[in-house]
């Protein structure tokens, strides 16, 4: 099976949400996708933005022939500091 962008976008990767209490907003990341991270004013905006970050991350890996890990955790985790 040839795993393309739509295949990986259809998988449920865990998203960590960290609130920035000093400056406001949130940082969102997919821990299984090293370096896939974004920041937003709200969690709702962040969820949209992390999807775009994942798309770009997957695209770069596919173009460069880098193996993409598949999800191993539950999709959403809120982390409080």
Protein backbone atom coordinates (compact mmCIF):
# COMPACT_ATOMS: atom_id res chain seq x y z
CA UNK A 1 0.00 0.00 0.00
CA UNK A 2 1.34 3.41 -1.00
CA UNK A 3 0.82 5.72 1.97
CA UNK A 4 0.21 9.22 0.69
CA UNK A 5 -0.66 12.56 2.27
CA UNK A 6 -4.37 11.76 2.54
CA UNK A 7 -3.57 8.49 4.33
CA UNK A 8 -1.52 10.24 7.02
CA UNK A 9 -3.97 13.16 7.34
CA UNK A 10 -6.70 10.60 8.06
CA UNK A 11 -4.85 9.18 11.09
CA UNK A 12 -5.50 10.47 14.63
CA UNK A 13 -2.24 11.74 16.05
CA UNK A 14 -2.12 12.86 19.67
CA UNK A 15 -2.11 16.63 20.11
CA UNK A 16 -0.64 18.23 23.21
CA UNK A 17 -1.93 21.65 24.22
CA UNK A 18 0.16 23.83 26.53
CA UNK A 19 -1.22 27.12 27.80
CA UNK A 20 1.20 30.06 27.89
CA UNK A 21 0.13 31.69 31.14
CA UNK A 22 2.68 34.52 30.90
CA UNK A 23 2.01 35.78 27.38
CA UNK A 24 -1.34 34.16 26.63
CA UNK A 25 -2.28 31.71 23.95
CA UNK A 26 -1.45 28.07 23.45
CA UNK A 27 1.26 25.91 21.96
CA UNK A 28 0.08 22.76 20.21
CA UNK A 29 2.26 19.89 19.11
CA UNK A 30 2.11 16.32 17.88
CA UNK A 31 4.73 14.55 20.01
CA UNK A 32 4.98 11.61 17.60
CA UNK A 33 5.87 14.02 14.78
CA UNK A 34 9.16 15.56 15.91
CA UNK A 35 9.07 19.32 15.34
CA UNK A 36 5.41 19.51 14.35
CA UNK A 37 4.28 22.46 16.47
CA UNK A 38 2.23 25.66 16.22
CA UNK A 39 0.98 28.49 18.44
CA UNK A 40 -2.40 30.22 18.54
CA UNK A 41 -4.51 32.63 20.58
CA UNK A 42 -7.19 30.00 21.23
CA UNK A 43 -7.30 26.22 21.33
CA UNK A 44 -9.87 26.23 18.51
CA UNK A 45 -7.54 28.22 16.22
CA UNK A 46 -4.66 26.03 17.31
CA UNK A 47 -6.46 22.84 16.27
CA UNK A 48 -6.95 24.27 12.78
CA UNK A 49 -3.33 25.42 12.65
CA UNK A 50 -1.90 22.09 13.85
CA UNK A 51 -3.74 20.36 11.01
CA UNK A 52 -1.96 22.68 8.57
CA UNK A 53 1.35 22.05 10.35
CA UNK A 54 0.79 18.28 10.08
CA UNK A 55 0.03 18.61 6.37
CA UNK A 56 3.28 20.51 5.78
CA UNK A 57 5.23 18.10 8.00
CA UNK A 58 3.88 15.03 6.14
CA UNK A 59 4.48 16.65 2.75
CA UNK A 60 8.13 17.39 3.58
CA UNK A 61 8.70 13.84 4.83
CA UNK A 62 7.06 12.27 1.78
CA UNK A 63 9.10 14.46 -0.59
CA UNK A 64 12.34 13.65 1.25
CA UNK A 65 11.60 9.93 1.65
CA UNK A 66 11.57 10.14 5.44
CA UNK A 67 9.58 7.46 7.27
CA UNK A 68 6.49 8.83 9.03
CA UNK A 69 5.53 7.22 12.36
CA UNK A 70 1.94 6.15 12.83
CA UNK A 71 -0.02 7.21 15.93
CA UNK A 72 0.30 5.18 19.12
CA UNK A 73 -1.64 7.32 21.64
CA UNK A 74 -5.08 8.85 22.14
CA UNK A 75 -5.72 11.88 19.90
CA UNK A 76 -5.95 14.77 22.41
CA UNK A 77 -4.11 15.58 25.63
CA UNK A 78 -4.31 18.91 27.48
CA UNK A 79 -1.17 19.66 29.44
CA UNK A 80 -1.27 22.23 32.22
CA UNK A 81 1.89 23.76 33.56
